[in-house]
Amino acid sequence: MRVRFLSWLVLVALVATPSAHATSVVPPSFRELVAEAEAIYRGTVTSIEARRVARPDGGNVIKTFVTFAVDRVLKGATQRVVVLEFLGGTVGDENLEVTGMPKFAVGQREFVFVQKNGTQLCPLVGFMHGRYRVLRDADGARDYVARDNGAPLTDTADVELPMTSLPAPMRTARAATAAADALTPAAFEAQVRAEVSSGAAPPAQK
């Protein structure tokens, strides 16, 4: 298999457009996360498909299409199903890896903060910072919200903390102790709805 790794910095430099600034992986604040999202969904991944798509210059590129069954729309137009387009994926013997791109699996339950789907490299606010997972604790008794790296989200203020990739044993140990204090999906959803209702405008672009 041929594997190509592209960092988001290189990609932005190559295909930058007026909308490309939103692909920065600088963590947004919770207020920015909600304000910059054009739509916010809570749902379940039902299918994942990678395929080649044509580029305006006549070439082609690999994209992965992730389909969500929408349980709740927290912001934006009502949708029952939404398909998000992510640059990268595997087609045949070629694999295009994009650094920092969230990875999904069928059956995962998610909150996604969507921005410019289909027109930028990643359709989520701040790449991995626009994806929040719904996980079940070790006892199977309680659902909680976690960040893209699996770290339990104990406060919406933690949204703007840097994202780090921890070794699996350390990640498991931390998750076990923090999951009990993490926000439940209902609590996280309530805070998102409250922020949406506040009508806060996105911060001015520089």
N, C-alpha and C. Protein backbone atom coordinates (compact mmCIF):
# COMPACT_ATOMS: atom_id res chain seq x y z
N MET A 1 0.84 -1.20 0.00
CA MET A 1 0.00 0.00 0.00
C MET A 1 0.87 1.25 0.00
N ARG A 2 0.54 2.17 -0.86
CA ARG A 2 1.24 3.45 -0.87
C ARG A 2 0.59 4.37 0.15
N VAL A 3 1.41 4.92 1.03
CA VAL A 3 0.89 5.79 2.07
C VAL A 3 1.49 7.18 1.89
N ARG A 4 0.63 8.17 1.87
CA ARG A 4 1.07 9.57 1.80
C ARG A 4 0.61 10.28 3.05
N PHE A 5 1.53 10.96 3.72
CA PHE A 5 1.21 11.73 4.91
C PHE A 5 1.31 13.20 4.56
N LEU A 6 0.26 13.94 4.86
CA LEU A 6 0.26 15.38 4.63
C LEU A 6 -0.12 16.08 5.92
N SER A 7 0.69 17.05 6.30
CA SER A 7 0.32 17.82 7.48
C SER A 7 -0.69 18.87 7.06
N TRP A 8 -1.54 19.28 8.01
CA TRP A 8 -2.54 20.31 7.69
C TRP A 8 -1.88 21.62 7.31
N LEU A 9 -0.67 21.90 7.82
CA LEU A 9 0.03 23.13 7.47
C LEU A 9 0.39 23.16 5.99
N VAL A 10 0.90 22.02 5.49
CA VAL A 10 1.26 21.95 4.09
C VAL A 10 0.01 22.08 3.23
N LEU A 11 -1.05 21.42 3.64
CA LEU A 11 -2.28 21.47 2.87
C LEU A 11 -2.85 22.88 2.80
N VAL A 12 -2.84 23.57 3.93
CA VAL A 12 -3.35 24.93 3.92
C VAL A 12 -2.52 25.80 3.01
N ALA A 13 -1.20 25.60 3.02
CA ALA A 13 -0.33 26.39 2.15
C ALA A 13 -0.61 26.12 0.68
N LEU A 14 -0.98 24.87 0.37
CA LEU A 14 -1.20 24.50 -1.02
C LEU A 14 -2.56 24.92 -1.54
N VAL A 15 -3.58 24.83 -0.68
CA VAL A 15 -4.94 25.05 -1.17
C VAL A 15 -5.65 26.17 -0.43
N ALA A 16 -4.90 27.06 0.17
CA ALA A 16 -5.51 28.12 0.98
C ALA A 16 -6.50 28.93 0.17
N THR A 17 -7.64 29.20 0.79
CA THR A 17 -8.66 30.06 0.22
C THR A 17 -9.10 30.98 1.34
N PRO A 18 -9.97 31.97 1.07
CA PRO A 18 -10.45 32.84 2.15
C PRO A 18 -11.09 32.08 3.28
N SER A 19 -11.61 30.84 3.01
CA SER A 19 -12.26 30.08 4.08
C SER A 19 -11.30 29.15 4.79
N ALA A 20 -10.07 29.07 4.35
CA ALA A 20 -9.17 28.06 4.88
C ALA A 20 -8.66 28.38 6.27
N HIS A 21 -8.77 29.63 6.71
CA HIS A 21 -8.24 29.97 8.03
C HIS A 21 -8.89 29.14 9.13
N ALA A 22 -10.12 28.67 8.91
CA ALA A 22 -10.85 27.95 9.94
C ALA A 22 -10.28 26.57 10.21
N THR A 23 -9.31 26.11 9.37
CA THR A 23 -8.73 24.80 9.59
C THR A 23 -7.62 24.82 10.63
N SER A 24 -7.32 25.96 11.18
CA SER A 24 -6.29 26.04 12.21
C SER A 24 -6.62 25.13 13.37
N VAL A 25 -5.58 24.46 13.92
CA VAL A 25 -5.82 23.57 15.05
C VAL A 25 -5.55 24.28 16.37
N VAL A 26 -5.46 25.59 16.36
CA VAL A 26 -5.41 26.33 17.62
C VAL A 26 -6.75 26.10 18.32
N PRO A 27 -6.73 25.60 19.55
CA PRO A 27 -8.00 25.27 20.21
C PRO A 27 -8.91 26.49 20.37
N PRO A 28 -10.17 26.36 19.98
CA PRO A 28 -11.11 27.46 20.20
C PRO A 28 -11.61 27.43 21.64
N SER A 29 -12.10 28.54 22.11
CA SER A 29 -12.81 28.53 23.39
C SER A 29 -14.17 27.88 23.15
N PHE A 30 -14.88 27.56 24.21
CA PHE A 30 -16.22 26.98 24.05
C PHE A 30 -17.13 27.96 23.32
N ARG A 31 -17.04 29.24 23.66
CA ARG A 31 -17.85 30.26 22.99
C ARG A 31 -17.54 30.31 21.50
N GLU A 32 -16.25 30.27 21.14
CA GLU A 32 -15.85 30.30 19.74
C GLU A 32 -16.30 29.04 19.02
N LEU A 33 -16.18 27.91 19.69
CA LEU A 33 -16.58 26.63 19.10
C LEU A 33 -18.04 26.68 18.67
N VAL A 34 -18.90 27.14 19.56
CA VAL A 34 -20.34 27.20 19.27
C VAL A 34 -20.64 28.28 18.23
N ALA A 35 -20.02 29.44 18.38
CA ALA A 35 -20.31 30.56 17.48
C ALA A 35 -19.85 30.30 16.05
N GLU A 36 -18.70 29.66 15.89
CA GLU A 36 -18.15 29.43 14.56
C GLU A 36 -18.81 28.27 13.84
N ALA A 37 -19.47 27.38 14.57
CA ALA A 37 -20.14 26.25 13.94
C ALA A 37 -21.39 26.73 13.20
N GLU A 38 -21.53 26.31 11.96
CA GLU A 38 -22.73 26.61 11.19
C GLU A 38 -23.87 25.68 11.59
N ALA A 39 -23.50 24.48 12.04
CA ALA A 39 -24.47 23.50 12.51
C ALA A 39 -23.83 22.65 13.59
N ILE A 40 -24.63 22.21 14.54
CA ILE A 40 -24.14 21.34 15.61
C ILE A 40 -25.11 20.17 15.71
N TYR A 41 -24.56 18.96 15.59
CA TYR A 41 -25.40 17.76 15.62
C TYR A 41 -24.94 16.79 16.71
N ARG A 42 -25.91 16.09 17.26
CA ARG A 42 -25.63 14.93 18.10
C ARG A 42 -26.18 13.73 17.35
N GLY A 43 -25.33 12.74 17.09
CA GLY A 43 -25.80 11.61 16.30
C GLY A 43 -24.88 10.42 16.36
N THR A 44 -25.15 9.45 15.48
CA THR A 44 -24.41 8.19 15.45
C THR A 44 -23.87 7.95 14.04
N VAL A 45 -22.61 7.51 13.96
CA VAL A 45 -22.00 7.22 12.67
C VAL A 45 -22.63 5.94 12.10
N THR A 46 -23.18 6.04 10.89
CA THR A 46 -23.83 4.88 10.28
C THR A 46 -23.05 4.30 9.11
N SER A 47 -22.20 5.10 8.47
CA SER A 47 -21.39 4.56 7.38
C SER A 47 -20.18 5.46 7.13
N ILE A 48 -19.13 4.84 6.58
CA ILE A 48 -17.90 5.55 6.23
C ILE A 48 -17.45 5.04 4.88
N GLU A 49 -17.21 5.96 3.96
CA GLU A 49 -16.78 5.56 2.61
C GLU A 49 -15.71 6.52 2.11
N ALA A 50 -14.60 5.95 1.65
CA ALA A 50 -13.53 6.75 1.04
C ALA A 50 -13.59 6.56 -0.47
N ARG A 51 -13.45 7.66 -1.20
CA ARG A 51 -13.43 7.55 -2.65
C ARG A 51 -12.69 8.75 -3.25
N ARG A 52 -12.32 8.60 -4.50
CA ARG A 52 -11.65 9.70 -5.21
C ARG A 52 -12.70 10.68 -5.72
N VAL A 53 -12.39 11.95 -5.59
CA VAL A 53 -13.28 12.97 -6.13
C VAL A 53 -12.46 13.93 -6.99
N ALA A 54 -13.11 14.50 -7.99
CA ALA A 54 -12.42 15.39 -8.91
C ALA A 54 -12.11 16.73 -8.26
N ARG A 55 -10.96 17.30 -8.64
CA ARG A 55 -10.57 18.64 -8.20
C ARG A 55 -10.84 19.61 -9.34
N PRO A 56 -10.98 20.90 -9.03
CA PRO A 56 -11.22 21.90 -10.08
C PRO A 56 -10.13 21.94 -11.14
N ASP A 57 -8.88 21.54 -10.78
CA ASP A 57 -7.78 21.60 -11.74
C ASP A 57 -7.72 20.38 -12.65
N GLY A 58 -8.69 19.47 -12.52
CA GLY A 58 -8.71 18.29 -13.37
C GLY A 58 -8.12 17.05 -12.74
N GLY A 59 -7.43 17.21 -11.62
CA GLY A 59 -6.89 16.06 -10.92
C GLY A 59 -7.95 15.43 -10.02
N ASN A 60 -7.48 14.62 -9.07
CA ASN A 60 -8.42 14.05 -8.12
C ASN A 60 -7.75 13.93 -6.76
N VAL A 61 -8.56 13.73 -5.75
CA VAL A 61 -8.06 13.62 -4.39
C VAL A 61 -8.94 12.63 -3.65
N ILE A 62 -8.37 12.00 -2.61
CA ILE A 62 -9.14 11.05 -1.81
C ILE A 62 -9.87 11.80 -0.70
N LYS A 63 -11.15 11.54 -0.57
CA LYS A 63 -11.95 12.07 0.54
C LYS A 63 -12.68 10.92 1.23
N THR A 64 -12.92 11.10 2.53
CA THR A 64 -13.73 10.15 3.28
C THR A 64 -15.05 10.80 3.64
N PHE A 65 -16.14 10.11 3.35
CA PHE A 65 -17.48 10.60 3.60
C PHE A 65 -18.07 9.86 4.80
N VAL A 66 -18.33 10.60 5.87
CA VAL A 66 -18.83 10.01 7.11
C VAL A 66 -20.31 10.40 7.25
N THR A 67 -21.17 9.39 7.32
CA THR A 67 -22.61 9.62 7.42
C THR A 67 -23.07 9.46 8.86
N PHE A 68 -23.84 10.45 9.33
CA PHE A 68 -24.39 10.44 10.68
C PHE A 68 -25.91 10.38 10.62
N ALA A 69 -26.49 9.52 11.46
CA ALA A 69 -27.92 9.60 11.73
C ALA A 69 -28.07 10.62 12.85
N VAL A 70 -28.78 11.70 12.57
CA VAL A 70 -28.87 12.81 13.52
C VAL A 70 -29.96 12.55 14.56
N ASP A 71 -29.55 12.55 15.82
CA ASP A 71 -30.51 12.40 16.92
C ASP A 71 -31.09 13.75 17.32
N ARG A 72 -30.21 14.77 17.36
CA ARG A 72 -30.65 16.10 17.75
C ARG A 72 -29.86 17.15 16.97
N VAL A 73 -30.56 18.19 16.57
CA VAL A 73 -29.91 19.34 15.96
C VAL A 73 -29.85 20.44 17.02
N LEU A 74 -28.64 20.81 17.41
CA LEU A 74 -28.46 21.82 18.44
C LEU A 74 -28.29 23.21 17.85
N LYS A 75 -27.95 23.26 16.57
CA LYS A 75 -27.81 24.53 15.87
C LYS A 75 -27.92 24.24 14.38
N GLY A 76 -28.57 25.12 13.64
CA GLY A 76 -28.66 24.96 12.20
C GLY A 76 -29.97 24.34 11.76
N ALA A 77 -30.03 24.05 10.45
CA ALA A 77 -31.25 23.51 9.85
C ALA A 77 -31.50 22.08 10.30
N THR A 78 -32.76 21.73 10.40
CA THR A 78 -33.14 20.38 10.80
C THR A 78 -32.67 19.37 9.75
N GLN A 79 -32.02 18.31 10.23
CA GLN A 79 -31.53 17.25 9.35
C GLN A 79 -31.77 15.91 10.04
N ARG A 80 -32.11 14.91 9.27
CA ARG A 80 -32.21 13.55 9.81
C ARG A 80 -30.92 12.78 9.57
N VAL A 81 -30.27 13.12 8.45
CA VAL A 81 -29.00 12.49 8.07
C VAL A 81 -28.08 13.58 7.58
N VAL A 82 -26.80 13.50 7.96
CA VAL A 82 -25.82 14.45 7.45
C VAL A 82 -24.57 13.68 7.04
N VAL A 83 -23.98 14.06 5.91
CA VAL A 83 -22.76 13.43 5.41
C VAL A 83 -21.65 14.48 5.42
N LEU A 84 -20.59 14.20 6.18
CA LEU A 84 -19.47 15.12 6.29
C LEU A 84 -18.30 14.63 5.43
N GLU A 85 -17.61 15.58 4.78
CA GLU A 85 -16.52 15.25 3.87
C GLU A 85 -15.17 15.61 4.50
N PHE A 86 -14.30 14.61 4.64
CA PHE A 86 -12.98 14.79 5.22
C PHE A 86 -11.91 14.46 4.18
N LEU A 87 -10.92 15.33 4.03
CA LEU A 87 -9.82 15.02 3.14
C LEU A 87 -9.03 13.84 3.68
N GLY A 88 -8.67 12.90 2.78
CA GLY A 88 -7.89 11.75 3.18
C GLY A 88 -8.70 10.47 3.21
N GLY A 89 -7.99 9.35 3.36
CA GLY A 89 -8.64 8.04 3.41
C GLY A 89 -7.87 7.03 2.60
N THR A 90 -8.45 5.85 2.45
CA THR A 90 -7.80 4.76 1.73
C THR A 90 -8.69 4.31 0.57
N VAL A 91 -8.11 4.30 -0.63
CA VAL A 91 -8.79 3.79 -1.82
C VAL A 91 -7.81 2.86 -2.52
N GLY A 92 -8.18 1.60 -2.63
CA GLY A 92 -7.29 0.63 -3.25
C GLY A 92 -6.00 0.49 -2.45
N ASP A 93 -4.88 0.68 -3.14
CA ASP A 93 -3.58 0.54 -2.46
C ASP A 93 -3.00 1.88 -2.04
N GLU A 94 -3.79 2.93 -2.11
CA GLU A 94 -3.28 4.26 -1.75
C GLU A 94 -3.98 4.79 -0.51
N ASN A 95 -3.19 5.29 0.42
CA ASN A 95 -3.72 5.83 1.67
C ASN A 95 -3.22 7.25 1.84
N LEU A 96 -4.14 8.19 1.97
CA LEU A 96 -3.77 9.59 2.20
C LEU A 96 -4.08 9.93 3.66
N GLU A 97 -3.03 10.18 4.44
CA GLU A 97 -3.17 10.52 5.86
C GLU A 97 -2.98 12.01 6.05
N VAL A 98 -3.91 12.64 6.75
CA VAL A 98 -3.82 14.06 7.04
C VAL A 98 -3.64 14.24 8.54
N THR A 99 -2.55 14.83 8.94
CA THR A 99 -2.25 15.01 10.35
C THR A 99 -3.35 15.82 11.04
N GLY A 100 -3.83 15.29 12.16
CA GLY A 100 -4.81 16.00 12.95
C GLY A 100 -6.25 15.76 12.53
N MET A 101 -6.47 14.98 11.47
CA MET A 101 -7.84 14.73 11.01
C MET A 101 -8.52 13.71 11.92
N PRO A 102 -9.72 14.02 12.43
CA PRO A 102 -10.44 13.06 13.27
C PRO A 102 -10.74 11.78 12.50
N LYS A 103 -10.75 10.65 13.21
CA LYS A 103 -11.08 9.36 12.61
C LYS A 103 -12.32 8.80 13.31
N PHE A 104 -13.22 8.24 12.53
CA PHE A 104 -14.49 7.76 13.05
C PHE A 104 -14.65 6.27 12.78
N ALA A 105 -15.60 5.66 13.47
CA ALA A 105 -15.95 4.26 13.24
C ALA A 105 -17.46 4.13 13.30
N VAL A 106 -18.00 3.22 12.52
CA VAL A 106 -19.44 3.00 12.51
C VAL A 106 -19.92 2.61 13.91
N GLY A 107 -21.00 3.23 14.33
CA GLY A 107 -21.56 2.95 15.64
C GLY A 107 -21.18 3.95 16.70
N GLN A 108 -20.16 4.77 16.44
CA GLN A 108 -19.75 5.77 17.42
C GLN A 108 -20.82 6.84 17.56
N ARG A 109 -21.01 7.30 18.80
CA ARG A 109 -21.95 8.38 19.09
C ARG A 109 -21.16 9.66 19.28
N GLU A 110 -21.61 10.73 18.65
CA GLU A 110 -20.79 11.93 18.54
C GLU A 110 -21.61 13.22 18.68
N PHE A 111 -20.89 14.27 19.12
CA PHE A 111 -21.32 15.65 18.92
C PHE A 111 -20.35 16.23 17.89
N VAL A 112 -20.86 16.82 16.81
CA VAL A 112 -19.98 17.42 15.81
C VAL A 112 -20.38 18.87 15.58
N PHE A 113 -19.36 19.73 15.54
CA PHE A 113 -19.53 21.16 15.34
C PHE A 113 -19.08 21.46 13.91
N VAL A 114 -20.03 21.62 13.01
CA VAL A 114 -19.77 21.60 11.57
C VAL A 114 -19.56 23.00 11.02
N GLN A 115 -18.58 23.09 10.12
CA GLN A 115 -18.23 24.38 9.50
C GLN A 115 -17.77 24.14 8.07
N LYS A 116 -18.44 24.75 7.09
CA LYS A 116 -18.03 24.72 5.68
C LYS A 116 -17.81 23.29 5.17
N ASN A 117 -18.78 22.45 5.41
CA ASN A 117 -18.71 21.07 4.94
C ASN A 117 -18.59 21.02 3.42
N GLY A 118 -17.57 20.30 2.95
CA GLY A 118 -17.36 20.14 1.51
C GLY A 118 -16.50 21.19 0.87
N THR A 119 -16.17 22.25 1.59
CA THR A 119 -15.37 23.33 0.99
C THR A 119 -14.05 23.56 1.70
N GLN A 120 -13.81 22.88 2.82
CA GLN A 120 -12.50 22.97 3.45
C GLN A 120 -12.02 21.57 3.82
N LEU A 121 -10.76 21.47 4.23
CA LEU A 121 -10.12 20.18 4.43
C LEU A 121 -10.84 19.30 5.43
N CYS A 122 -11.30 19.91 6.50
CA CYS A 122 -12.04 19.21 7.55
C CYS A 122 -13.31 20.01 7.83
N PRO A 123 -14.47 19.36 7.89
CA PRO A 123 -15.72 20.10 8.05
C PRO A 123 -16.07 20.41 9.49
N LEU A 124 -15.09 20.34 10.39
CA LEU A 124 -15.34 20.60 11.80
C LEU A 124 -14.56 21.83 12.26
N VAL A 125 -15.09 22.57 13.19
CA VAL A 125 -14.40 23.73 13.74
C VAL A 125 -13.11 23.27 14.43
N GLY A 126 -11.97 23.79 13.95
CA GLY A 126 -10.70 23.46 14.59
C GLY A 126 -10.30 22.01 14.48
N PHE A 127 -10.62 21.34 13.36
CA PHE A 127 -10.26 19.94 13.16
C PHE A 127 -10.79 19.09 14.31
N MET A 128 -9.89 18.42 15.05
CA MET A 128 -10.30 17.50 16.12
C MET A 128 -10.99 18.20 17.28
N HIS A 129 -10.85 19.52 17.36
CA HIS A 129 -11.48 20.27 18.45
C HIS A 129 -12.99 20.44 18.23
N GLY A 130 -13.47 20.08 17.04
CA GLY A 130 -14.89 20.19 16.76
C GLY A 130 -15.63 18.87 16.84
N ARG A 131 -15.00 17.88 17.47
CA ARG A 131 -15.60 16.54 17.60
C ARG A 131 -15.55 16.11 19.07
N TYR A 132 -16.71 15.71 19.61
CA TYR A 132 -16.81 15.24 21.00
C TYR A 132 -17.52 13.90 21.01
N ARG A 133 -16.89 12.93 21.64
CA ARG A 133 -17.38 11.56 21.62
C ARG A 133 -18.27 11.27 22.82
N VAL A 134 -19.25 10.41 22.64
CA VAL A 134 -20.07 9.93 23.74
C VAL A 134 -19.61 8.52 24.06
N LEU A 135 -19.03 8.34 25.25
CA LEU A 135 -18.46 7.07 25.66
C LEU A 135 -19.20 6.52 26.88
N ARG A 136 -19.00 5.25 27.15
CA ARG A 136 -19.60 4.61 28.32
C ARG A 136 -18.48 4.30 29.33
N ASP A 137 -18.75 4.54 30.61
CA ASP A 137 -17.71 4.30 31.61
C ASP A 137 -17.41 2.80 31.76
N ALA A 138 -16.35 2.50 32.51
CA ALA A 138 -15.86 1.13 32.62
C ALA A 138 -16.91 0.18 33.19
N ASP A 139 -17.80 0.69 34.04
CA ASP A 139 -18.84 -0.15 34.64
C ASP A 139 -20.06 -0.29 33.73
N GLY A 140 -20.06 0.45 32.63
CA GLY A 140 -21.19 0.39 31.71
C GLY A 140 -22.46 1.02 32.25
N ALA A 141 -22.29 1.89 33.26
CA ALA A 141 -23.46 2.45 33.93
C ALA A 141 -23.74 3.89 33.54
N ARG A 142 -22.79 4.56 32.91
CA ARG A 142 -22.93 6.00 32.71
C ARG A 142 -22.27 6.42 31.41
N ASP A 143 -22.97 7.20 30.61
CA ASP A 143 -22.38 7.81 29.43
C ASP A 143 -21.71 9.12 29.81
N TYR A 144 -20.63 9.45 29.14
CA TYR A 144 -19.95 10.72 29.37
C TYR A 144 -19.37 11.24 28.07
N VAL A 145 -19.02 12.53 28.07
CA VAL A 145 -18.49 13.19 26.88
C VAL A 145 -16.96 13.22 26.96
N ALA A 146 -16.32 12.89 25.85
CA ALA A 146 -14.86 12.90 25.79
C ALA A 146 -14.41 13.68 24.57
N ARG A 147 -13.19 14.16 24.62
CA ARG A 147 -12.60 14.87 23.49
C ARG A 147 -12.15 13.87 22.43
N ASP A 148 -11.64 14.37 21.32
CA ASP A 148 -11.21 13.50 20.22
C ASP A 148 -10.16 12.49 20.66
N ASN A 149 -9.31 12.88 21.61
CA ASN A 149 -8.25 11.98 22.08
C ASN A 149 -8.71 11.02 23.18
N GLY A 150 -10.00 11.04 23.49
CA GLY A 150 -10.53 10.12 24.50
C GLY A 150 -10.53 10.67 25.90
N ALA A 151 -9.95 11.86 26.10
CA ALA A 151 -9.90 12.45 27.44
C ALA A 151 -11.29 12.92 27.86
N PRO A 152 -11.78 12.50 29.03
CA PRO A 152 -13.10 12.94 29.49
C PRO A 152 -13.17 14.47 29.60
N LEU A 153 -14.28 15.04 29.19
CA LEU A 153 -14.49 16.49 29.26
C LEU A 153 -15.22 16.80 30.56
N THR A 154 -14.51 17.39 31.50
CA THR A 154 -15.11 17.65 32.81
C THR A 154 -15.71 19.05 32.92
N ASP A 155 -15.37 19.93 31.98
CA ASP A 155 -15.87 21.29 32.00
C ASP A 155 -15.75 21.86 30.60
N THR A 156 -16.70 22.67 30.17
CA THR A 156 -16.61 23.24 28.82
C THR A 156 -15.40 24.16 28.68
N ALA A 157 -14.88 24.65 29.78
CA ALA A 157 -13.67 25.48 29.71
C ALA A 157 -12.48 24.68 29.20
N ASP A 158 -12.54 23.34 29.36
CA ASP A 158 -11.44 22.49 28.92
C ASP A 158 -11.39 22.34 27.41
N VAL A 159 -12.41 22.82 26.71
CA VAL A 159 -12.44 22.77 25.25
C VAL A 159 -11.20 23.43 24.65
N GLU A 160 -10.72 24.50 25.28
CA GLU A 160 -9.59 25.24 24.71
C GLU A 160 -8.22 24.74 25.17
N LEU A 161 -8.18 23.63 25.88
CA LEU A 161 -6.89 23.05 26.24
C LEU A 161 -6.26 22.38 25.03
N PRO A 162 -4.93 22.38 24.93
CA PRO A 162 -4.27 21.71 23.79
C PRO A 162 -4.64 20.23 23.77
N MET A 163 -4.70 19.67 22.58
CA MET A 163 -5.00 18.26 22.42
C MET A 163 -3.70 17.48 22.42
N THR A 164 -3.59 16.48 23.26
CA THR A 164 -2.38 15.68 23.33
C THR A 164 -2.73 14.21 23.11
N SER A 165 -1.79 13.49 22.53
CA SER A 165 -1.96 12.05 22.32
C SER A 165 -1.18 11.32 23.41
N LEU A 166 -1.89 10.68 24.33
CA LEU A 166 -1.24 9.98 25.42
C LEU A 166 -1.04 8.50 25.08
N PRO A 167 0.00 7.87 25.65
CA PRO A 167 0.15 6.42 25.47
C PRO A 167 -1.10 5.71 25.97
N ALA A 168 -1.45 4.60 25.35
CA ALA A 168 -2.69 3.89 25.67
C ALA A 168 -2.85 3.58 27.16
N PRO A 169 -1.83 3.05 27.86
CA PRO A 169 -2.02 2.74 29.29
C PRO A 169 -2.33 3.99 30.12
N MET A 170 -1.63 5.10 29.81
CA MET A 170 -1.86 6.34 30.56
C MET A 170 -3.24 6.89 30.24
N ARG A 171 -3.65 6.81 28.96
CA ARG A 171 -4.95 7.31 28.56
C ARG A 171 -6.06 6.53 29.27
N THR A 172 -5.89 5.21 29.37
CA THR A 172 -6.88 4.37 30.03
C THR A 172 -6.98 4.68 31.51
N ALA A 173 -5.82 4.86 32.15
CA ALA A 173 -5.81 5.15 33.59
C ALA A 173 -6.47 6.50 33.88
N ARG A 174 -6.14 7.51 33.10
CA ARG A 174 -6.72 8.83 33.32
C ARG A 174 -8.22 8.82 33.06
N ALA A 175 -8.63 8.11 32.00
CA ALA A 175 -10.04 8.07 31.67
C ALA A 175 -10.85 7.41 32.78
N ALA A 176 -10.27 6.38 33.39
CA ALA A 176 -10.99 5.66 34.44
C ALA A 176 -11.26 6.55 35.64
N THR A 177 -10.31 7.43 35.96
CA THR A 177 -10.49 8.29 37.13
C THR A 177 -11.30 9.55 36.81
N ALA A 178 -11.20 10.03 35.57
CA ALA A 178 -11.87 11.28 35.22
C ALA A 178 -13.28 11.08 34.70
N ALA A 179 -13.61 9.89 34.24
CA ALA A 179 -14.93 9.66 33.63
C ALA A 179 -16.06 9.96 34.61
N ALA A 180 -15.83 9.68 35.89
CA ALA A 180 -16.89 9.90 36.88
C ALA A 180 -17.22 11.38 37.02
N ASP A 181 -16.25 12.26 36.72
CA ASP A 181 -16.47 13.70 36.84
C ASP A 181 -16.80 14.36 35.50
N ALA A 182 -16.79 13.58 34.43
CA ALA A 182 -16.99 14.16 33.10
C ALA A 182 -18.45 14.55 32.90
N LEU A 183 -18.65 15.49 31.99
CA LEU A 183 -20.00 15.91 31.64
C LEU A 183 -20.78 14.76 31.00
N THR A 184 -22.04 14.63 31.37
CA THR A 184 -22.90 13.68 30.68
C THR A 184 -23.31 14.29 29.34
N PRO A 185 -23.73 13.46 28.38
CA PRO A 185 -24.21 14.03 27.11
C PRO A 185 -25.33 15.05 27.32
N ALA A 186 -26.23 14.79 28.26
CA ALA A 186 -27.33 15.73 28.51
C ALA A 186 -26.81 17.05 29.04
N ALA A 187 -25.83 17.00 29.94
CA ALA A 187 -25.27 18.23 30.51
C ALA A 187 -24.52 19.03 29.45
N PHE A 188 -23.74 18.33 28.62
CA PHE A 188 -23.00 19.01 27.55
C PHE A 188 -23.98 19.63 26.55
N GLU A 189 -24.99 18.88 26.19
CA GLU A 189 -25.99 19.38 25.25
C GLU A 189 -26.69 20.62 25.80
N ALA A 190 -27.00 20.61 27.09
CA ALA A 190 -27.67 21.76 27.70
C ALA A 190 -26.79 23.00 27.64
N GLN A 191 -25.49 22.83 27.86
CA GLN A 191 -24.59 23.98 27.82
C GLN A 191 -24.41 24.49 26.39
N VAL A 192 -24.40 23.58 25.42
CA VAL A 192 -24.33 24.00 24.02
C VAL A 192 -25.58 24.79 23.65
N ARG A 193 -26.75 24.27 24.01
CA ARG A 193 -28.00 24.95 23.69
C ARG A 193 -28.06 26.34 24.34
N ALA A 194 -27.57 26.44 25.58
CA ALA A 194 -27.58 27.72 26.27
C ALA A 194 -26.68 28.72 25.56
N GLU A 195 -25.53 28.24 25.07
CA GLU A 195 -24.61 29.14 24.36
C GLU A 195 -25.21 29.55 23.02
N VAL A 196 -25.86 28.63 22.34
CA VAL A 196 -26.53 28.96 21.07
C VAL A 196 -27.62 30.01 21.33
N SER A 197 -28.39 29.81 22.38
CA SER A 197 -29.49 30.72 22.69
C SER A 197 -29.02 32.11 23.07
N SER A 198 -27.77 32.17 23.57
CA SER A 198 -27.25 33.48 23.97
C SER A 198 -27.01 34.38 22.76
N GLY A 199 -26.92 33.76 21.59
CA GLY A 199 -26.76 34.52 20.35
C GLY A 199 -25.42 35.16 20.20
N ALA A 200 -24.40 34.62 20.86
CA ALA A 200 -23.06 35.21 20.76
C ALA A 200 -22.56 35.14 19.33
N ALA A 201 -22.06 36.25 18.83
CA ALA A 201 -21.55 36.32 17.46
C ALA A 201 -20.13 35.76 17.41
N PRO A 202 -19.70 35.21 16.26
CA PRO A 202 -18.33 34.75 16.15
C PRO A 202 -17.36 35.90 16.34
N PRO A 203 -16.17 35.62 16.87
CA PRO A 203 -15.19 36.69 17.04
C PRO A 203 -14.78 37.27 15.69
N ALA A 204 -14.44 38.55 15.66
CA ALA A 204 -14.05 39.20 14.41
C ALA A 204 -12.80 38.55 13.83
N GLN A 205 -12.77 38.36 12.53
CA GLN A 205 -11.62 37.77 11.86
C GLN A 205 -10.54 38.83 11.65
N LYS A 206 -9.33 38.42 11.83
CA LYS A 206 -8.21 39.35 11.65
C LYS A 206 -7.67 39.26 10.23
